[in-house]
Amino acid sequence: MIPFSCILFLYAVFIISIVFKGLGGFLIPVLLSFFLTLLMFQFAYLRKGVYATRSYGFVFFGVIMFMISENIMAIKTFRQDLPFQDFMIMFFYGLAMYSIVYGLVKERIGIPTLS
């Protein structure tokens, strides 16, 4: 778990270093947003071995796609424009939401009910 947390920390430092000059007064909200996204990523990772592999895979993939979407948005907003940025943001965001919900629904199907 510690190596995974170190990798997440280095990733956050890398993204913040890219957009730092353009943040201005938005430093605290952006840090809070990245912290919450990394927390979501860590919770998705902690599902491994507890939930079904298929559900874990879809949710983890969805969280990665969400991070990509959020990072493209941060770079677009605080650094520079990217080619096809609006399409990429919405594509990765839509893929993320679909994968996360699909993974959670697939897990719910496997839970026995008390009848």
N, C-alpha and C. Protein backbone atom coordinates (compact mmCIF):
# COMPACT_ATOMS: atom_id res chain seq x y z
N MET A 1 0.82 -1.19 0.00
CA MET A 1 0.00 0.00 0.00
C MET A 1 0.86 1.26 0.00
N ILE A 2 1.98 1.23 0.71
CA ILE A 2 2.87 2.39 0.78
C ILE A 2 3.45 2.73 -0.60
N PRO A 3 3.96 1.75 -1.38
CA PRO A 3 4.47 2.12 -2.71
C PRO A 3 3.38 2.73 -3.60
N PHE A 4 2.18 2.22 -3.50
CA PHE A 4 1.07 2.76 -4.28
C PHE A 4 0.80 4.21 -3.89
N SER A 5 0.81 4.51 -2.60
CA SER A 5 0.60 5.88 -2.14
C SER A 5 1.72 6.80 -2.61
N CYS A 6 2.94 6.30 -2.63
CA CYS A 6 4.07 7.11 -3.11
C CYS A 6 3.91 7.42 -4.60
N ILE A 7 3.47 6.46 -5.37
CA ILE A 7 3.24 6.68 -6.80
C ILE A 7 2.16 7.73 -7.00
N LEU A 8 1.08 7.64 -6.23
CA LEU A 8 0.01 8.64 -6.33
C LEU A 8 0.51 10.03 -5.96
N PHE A 9 1.34 10.12 -4.94
CA PHE A 9 1.89 11.39 -4.53
C PHE A 9 2.77 11.99 -5.64
N LEU A 10 3.63 11.18 -6.22
CA LEU A 10 4.49 11.66 -7.31
C LEU A 10 3.66 12.10 -8.51
N TYR A 11 2.59 11.38 -8.80
CA TYR A 11 1.70 11.75 -9.89
C TYR A 11 1.05 13.11 -9.62
N ALA A 12 0.59 13.33 -8.40
CA ALA A 12 -0.04 14.60 -8.04
C ALA A 12 0.97 15.74 -8.14
N VAL A 13 2.18 15.51 -7.67
CA VAL A 13 3.23 16.54 -7.75
C VAL A 13 3.52 16.86 -9.21
N PHE A 14 3.56 15.86 -10.06
CA PHE A 14 3.83 16.07 -11.48
C PHE A 14 2.74 16.93 -12.13
N ILE A 15 1.49 16.60 -11.88
CA ILE A 15 0.39 17.36 -12.48
C ILE A 15 0.35 18.79 -11.94
N ILE A 16 0.54 18.94 -10.63
CA ILE A 16 0.53 20.28 -10.05
C ILE A 16 1.69 21.10 -10.60
N SER A 17 2.85 20.48 -10.80
CA SER A 17 3.99 21.23 -11.34
C SER A 17 3.73 21.71 -12.76
N ILE A 18 2.92 20.97 -13.51
CA ILE A 18 2.59 21.39 -14.87
C ILE A 18 1.71 22.63 -14.86
N VAL A 19 0.73 22.66 -13.98
CA VAL A 19 -0.26 23.75 -14.00
C VAL A 19 -0.02 24.83 -12.94
N PHE A 20 1.06 24.73 -12.17
CA PHE A 20 1.26 25.59 -11.00
C PHE A 20 1.27 27.08 -11.35
N LYS A 21 1.96 27.46 -12.41
CA LYS A 21 2.09 28.88 -12.75
C LYS A 21 0.74 29.53 -13.07
N GLY A 22 -0.18 28.78 -13.63
CA GLY A 22 -1.47 29.34 -14.00
C GLY A 22 -2.52 29.28 -12.92
N LEU A 23 -2.22 28.67 -11.78
CA LEU A 23 -3.23 28.49 -10.74
C LEU A 23 -3.64 29.79 -10.06
N GLY A 24 -2.67 30.61 -9.71
CA GLY A 24 -2.99 31.86 -9.03
C GLY A 24 -3.71 31.62 -7.72
N GLY A 25 -4.90 32.20 -7.59
CA GLY A 25 -5.69 32.04 -6.37
C GLY A 25 -6.44 30.73 -6.27
N PHE A 26 -6.33 29.89 -7.28
CA PHE A 26 -7.04 28.60 -7.28
C PHE A 26 -6.19 27.44 -6.76
N LEU A 27 -5.05 27.73 -6.15
CA LEU A 27 -4.17 26.67 -5.68
C LEU A 27 -4.86 25.76 -4.68
N ILE A 28 -5.49 26.32 -3.67
CA ILE A 28 -6.14 25.50 -2.63
C ILE A 28 -7.29 24.68 -3.20
N PRO A 29 -8.22 25.25 -3.99
CA PRO A 29 -9.29 24.42 -4.55
C PRO A 29 -8.77 23.31 -5.47
N VAL A 30 -7.73 23.60 -6.24
CA VAL A 30 -7.18 22.58 -7.13
C VAL A 30 -6.52 21.47 -6.32
N LEU A 31 -5.77 21.84 -5.28
CA LEU A 31 -5.15 20.82 -4.41
C LEU A 31 -6.21 19.96 -3.73
N LEU A 32 -7.28 20.59 -3.30
CA LEU A 32 -8.38 19.84 -2.68
C LEU A 32 -9.03 18.89 -3.68
N SER A 33 -9.24 19.36 -4.89
CA SER A 33 -9.82 18.52 -5.93
C SER A 33 -8.92 17.33 -6.26
N PHE A 34 -7.63 17.59 -6.42
CA PHE A 34 -6.70 16.49 -6.69
C PHE A 34 -6.62 15.52 -5.52
N PHE A 35 -6.66 16.04 -4.30
CA PHE A 35 -6.63 15.18 -3.13
C PHE A 35 -7.85 14.25 -3.11
N LEU A 36 -9.02 14.80 -3.40
CA LEU A 36 -10.23 13.97 -3.39
C LEU A 36 -10.22 12.93 -4.52
N THR A 37 -9.66 13.32 -5.67
CA THR A 37 -9.56 12.36 -6.77
C THR A 37 -8.58 11.25 -6.42
N LEU A 38 -7.46 11.59 -5.81
CA LEU A 38 -6.49 10.57 -5.41
C LEU A 38 -7.07 9.68 -4.31
N LEU A 39 -7.89 10.25 -3.45
CA LEU A 39 -8.55 9.45 -2.42
C LEU A 39 -9.53 8.46 -3.06
N MET A 40 -10.27 8.92 -4.06
CA MET A 40 -11.17 8.04 -4.79
C MET A 40 -10.38 6.92 -5.48
N PHE A 41 -9.24 7.28 -6.07
CA PHE A 41 -8.38 6.29 -6.73
C PHE A 41 -7.89 5.25 -5.73
N GLN A 42 -7.51 5.71 -4.54
CA GLN A 42 -7.02 4.79 -3.52
C GLN A 42 -8.14 3.87 -3.02
N PHE A 43 -9.34 4.40 -2.85
CA PHE A 43 -10.47 3.56 -2.43
C PHE A 43 -10.81 2.53 -3.51
N ALA A 44 -10.71 2.92 -4.77
CA ALA A 44 -10.95 1.96 -5.85
C ALA A 44 -9.91 0.86 -5.82
N TYR A 45 -8.67 1.23 -5.55
CA TYR A 45 -7.59 0.23 -5.46
C TYR A 45 -7.81 -0.72 -4.27
N LEU A 46 -8.31 -0.20 -3.17
CA LEU A 46 -8.52 -1.02 -1.98
C LEU A 46 -9.65 -2.04 -2.15
N ARG A 47 -10.44 -1.92 -3.21
CA ARG A 47 -11.51 -2.88 -3.47
C ARG A 47 -10.95 -4.23 -3.94
N LYS A 48 -9.69 -4.25 -4.34
CA LYS A 48 -9.07 -5.47 -4.88
C LYS A 48 -9.08 -6.58 -3.83
N GLY A 49 -9.56 -7.72 -4.24
CA GLY A 49 -9.61 -8.87 -3.36
C GLY A 49 -10.84 -8.92 -2.48
N VAL A 50 -11.56 -7.82 -2.35
CA VAL A 50 -12.76 -7.78 -1.52
C VAL A 50 -14.00 -8.01 -2.37
N TYR A 51 -13.99 -7.41 -3.55
CA TYR A 51 -15.11 -7.54 -4.47
C TYR A 51 -14.71 -8.39 -5.66
N ALA A 52 -15.68 -8.76 -6.46
CA ALA A 52 -15.43 -9.58 -7.63
C ALA A 52 -14.42 -8.90 -8.56
N THR A 53 -13.60 -9.71 -9.20
CA THR A 53 -12.54 -9.18 -10.06
C THR A 53 -13.10 -8.33 -11.18
N ARG A 54 -14.20 -8.75 -11.76
CA ARG A 54 -14.80 -8.00 -12.86
C ARG A 54 -15.29 -6.63 -12.39
N SER A 55 -15.95 -6.61 -11.24
CA SER A 55 -16.43 -5.34 -10.69
C SER A 55 -15.25 -4.44 -10.35
N TYR A 56 -14.24 -5.00 -9.71
CA TYR A 56 -13.05 -4.23 -9.36
C TYR A 56 -12.40 -3.65 -10.61
N GLY A 57 -12.28 -4.44 -11.66
CA GLY A 57 -11.65 -3.99 -12.89
C GLY A 57 -12.38 -2.83 -13.53
N PHE A 58 -13.70 -2.92 -13.60
CA PHE A 58 -14.48 -1.84 -14.21
C PHE A 58 -14.39 -0.56 -13.39
N VAL A 59 -14.51 -0.68 -12.08
CA VAL A 59 -14.46 0.51 -11.23
C VAL A 59 -13.07 1.14 -11.28
N PHE A 60 -12.03 0.33 -11.21
CA PHE A 60 -10.67 0.86 -11.24
C PHE A 60 -10.37 1.53 -12.58
N PHE A 61 -10.81 0.90 -13.67
CA PHE A 61 -10.64 1.49 -14.99
C PHE A 61 -11.39 2.82 -15.08
N GLY A 62 -12.59 2.86 -14.54
CA GLY A 62 -13.38 4.08 -14.56
C GLY A 62 -12.73 5.21 -13.78
N VAL A 63 -12.13 4.89 -12.66
CA VAL A 63 -11.46 5.91 -11.86
C VAL A 63 -10.23 6.44 -12.61
N ILE A 64 -9.51 5.57 -13.28
CA ILE A 64 -8.36 6.01 -14.08
C ILE A 64 -8.84 6.94 -15.21
N MET A 65 -9.93 6.58 -15.87
CA MET A 65 -10.46 7.44 -16.93
C MET A 65 -10.92 8.79 -16.38
N PHE A 66 -11.49 8.79 -15.18
CA PHE A 66 -11.90 10.04 -14.54
C PHE A 66 -10.69 10.92 -14.26
N MET A 67 -9.61 10.32 -13.78
CA MET A 67 -8.39 11.09 -13.52
C MET A 67 -7.84 11.69 -14.80
N ILE A 68 -7.86 10.93 -15.88
CA ILE A 68 -7.38 11.45 -17.16
C ILE A 68 -8.24 12.64 -17.58
N SER A 69 -9.54 12.50 -17.47
CA SER A 69 -10.45 13.60 -17.83
C SER A 69 -10.18 14.84 -16.98
N GLU A 70 -10.03 14.65 -15.69
CA GLU A 70 -9.78 15.77 -14.79
C GLU A 70 -8.43 16.43 -15.09
N ASN A 71 -7.43 15.64 -15.42
CA ASN A 71 -6.12 16.20 -15.71
C ASN A 71 -6.11 16.98 -17.01
N ILE A 72 -6.81 16.48 -18.00
CA ILE A 72 -6.93 17.23 -19.27
C ILE A 72 -7.64 18.55 -19.01
N MET A 73 -8.67 18.53 -18.18
CA MET A 73 -9.39 19.75 -17.85
C MET A 73 -8.48 20.74 -17.12
N ALA A 74 -7.66 20.25 -16.20
CA ALA A 74 -6.76 21.14 -15.47
C ALA A 74 -5.71 21.76 -16.40
N ILE A 75 -5.16 20.95 -17.27
CA ILE A 75 -4.16 21.47 -18.21
C ILE A 75 -4.80 22.48 -19.15
N LYS A 76 -6.00 22.18 -19.62
CA LYS A 76 -6.72 23.10 -20.52
C LYS A 76 -7.02 24.42 -19.81
N THR A 77 -7.45 24.34 -18.57
CA THR A 77 -7.88 25.54 -17.85
C THR A 77 -6.71 26.39 -17.37
N PHE A 78 -5.67 25.75 -16.86
CA PHE A 78 -4.60 26.50 -16.20
C PHE A 78 -3.28 26.56 -16.96
N ARG A 79 -3.14 25.83 -18.05
CA ARG A 79 -1.85 25.82 -18.75
C ARG A 79 -1.98 26.24 -20.21
N GLN A 80 -2.55 25.35 -21.03
CA GLN A 80 -2.63 25.60 -22.47
C GLN A 80 -3.73 24.76 -23.08
N ASP A 81 -4.14 25.16 -24.27
CA ASP A 81 -5.14 24.38 -25.00
C ASP A 81 -4.47 23.15 -25.60
N LEU A 82 -5.25 22.07 -25.68
CA LEU A 82 -4.79 20.82 -26.27
C LEU A 82 -5.64 20.49 -27.49
N PRO A 83 -5.09 19.73 -28.43
CA PRO A 83 -5.92 19.33 -29.58
C PRO A 83 -7.05 18.41 -29.12
N PHE A 84 -8.23 18.64 -29.62
CA PHE A 84 -9.44 17.83 -29.31
C PHE A 84 -9.72 17.78 -27.81
N GLN A 85 -9.41 18.85 -27.10
CA GLN A 85 -9.53 18.83 -25.64
C GLN A 85 -10.96 18.62 -25.16
N ASP A 86 -11.92 19.29 -25.75
CA ASP A 86 -13.30 19.15 -25.29
C ASP A 86 -13.83 17.75 -25.55
N PHE A 87 -13.50 17.19 -26.71
CA PHE A 87 -13.92 15.83 -27.02
C PHE A 87 -13.27 14.84 -26.04
N MET A 88 -11.97 15.01 -25.80
CA MET A 88 -11.26 14.08 -24.90
C MET A 88 -11.80 14.16 -23.48
N ILE A 89 -12.08 15.37 -23.02
CA ILE A 89 -12.60 15.53 -21.66
C ILE A 89 -13.93 14.78 -21.52
N MET A 90 -14.84 15.02 -22.45
CA MET A 90 -16.16 14.38 -22.35
C MET A 90 -16.10 12.88 -22.63
N PHE A 91 -15.23 12.47 -23.54
CA PHE A 91 -15.11 11.04 -23.84
C PHE A 91 -14.61 10.28 -22.61
N PHE A 92 -13.52 10.76 -22.00
CA PHE A 92 -12.98 10.07 -20.84
C PHE A 92 -13.91 10.16 -19.64
N TYR A 93 -14.61 11.29 -19.49
CA TYR A 93 -15.55 11.43 -18.38
C TYR A 93 -16.73 10.48 -18.56
N GLY A 94 -17.28 10.42 -19.77
CA GLY A 94 -18.40 9.50 -20.02
C GLY A 94 -17.99 8.05 -19.85
N LEU A 95 -16.81 7.70 -20.36
CA LEU A 95 -16.30 6.34 -20.20
C LEU A 95 -16.08 6.02 -18.72
N ALA A 96 -15.62 6.99 -17.97
CA ALA A 96 -15.39 6.80 -16.54
C ALA A 96 -16.70 6.53 -15.81
N MET A 97 -17.69 7.37 -16.03
CA MET A 97 -18.96 7.20 -15.33
C MET A 97 -19.63 5.88 -15.70
N TYR A 98 -19.58 5.54 -16.99
CA TYR A 98 -20.17 4.28 -17.43
C TYR A 98 -19.46 3.10 -16.75
N SER A 99 -18.14 3.11 -16.74
CA SER A 99 -17.38 1.99 -16.17
C SER A 99 -17.60 1.87 -14.67
N ILE A 100 -17.61 2.98 -13.97
CA ILE A 100 -17.81 2.93 -12.52
C ILE A 100 -19.20 2.41 -12.18
N VAL A 101 -20.21 2.94 -12.83
CA VAL A 101 -21.59 2.49 -12.55
C VAL A 101 -21.76 1.04 -12.97
N TYR A 102 -21.22 0.65 -14.12
CA TYR A 102 -21.34 -0.73 -14.58
C TYR A 102 -20.66 -1.68 -13.59
N GLY A 103 -19.48 -1.30 -13.11
CA GLY A 103 -18.79 -2.14 -12.14
C GLY A 103 -19.55 -2.27 -10.84
N LEU A 104 -20.17 -1.19 -10.38
CA LEU A 104 -20.94 -1.26 -9.14
C LEU A 104 -22.22 -2.06 -9.32
N VAL A 105 -22.86 -1.93 -10.48
CA VAL A 105 -24.08 -2.69 -10.74
C VAL A 105 -23.76 -4.18 -10.84
N LYS A 106 -22.67 -4.52 -11.48
CA LYS A 106 -22.30 -5.93 -11.60
C LYS A 106 -22.01 -6.53 -10.23
N GLU A 107 -21.51 -5.74 -9.32
CA GLU A 107 -21.26 -6.24 -7.96
C GLU A 107 -22.58 -6.45 -7.22
N ARG A 108 -23.53 -5.56 -7.41
CA ARG A 108 -24.82 -5.68 -6.73
C ARG A 108 -25.57 -6.91 -7.17
N ILE A 109 -25.42 -7.34 -8.42
CA ILE A 109 -26.12 -8.51 -8.91
C ILE A 109 -25.66 -9.76 -8.16
N GLY A 110 -24.40 -9.82 -7.78
CA GLY A 110 -23.86 -11.01 -7.11
C GLY A 110 -24.17 -11.11 -5.64
N ILE A 111 -24.78 -10.10 -5.03
CA ILE A 111 -25.08 -10.12 -3.61
C ILE A 111 -26.38 -10.85 -3.37
N PRO A 112 -26.35 -11.89 -2.53
CA PRO A 112 -27.60 -12.62 -2.24
C PRO A 112 -28.55 -11.75 -1.42
N THR A 113 -29.83 -11.93 -1.67
CA THR A 113 -30.84 -11.16 -0.93
C THR A 113 -31.43 -12.01 0.17
N LEU A 114 -31.95 -11.35 1.19
CA LEU A 114 -32.62 -12.04 2.29
C LEU A 114 -34.10 -12.12 1.96
N SER A 115 -34.57 -13.28 1.54
CA SER A 115 -35.98 -13.42 1.19
C SER A 115 -36.69 -14.32 2.16
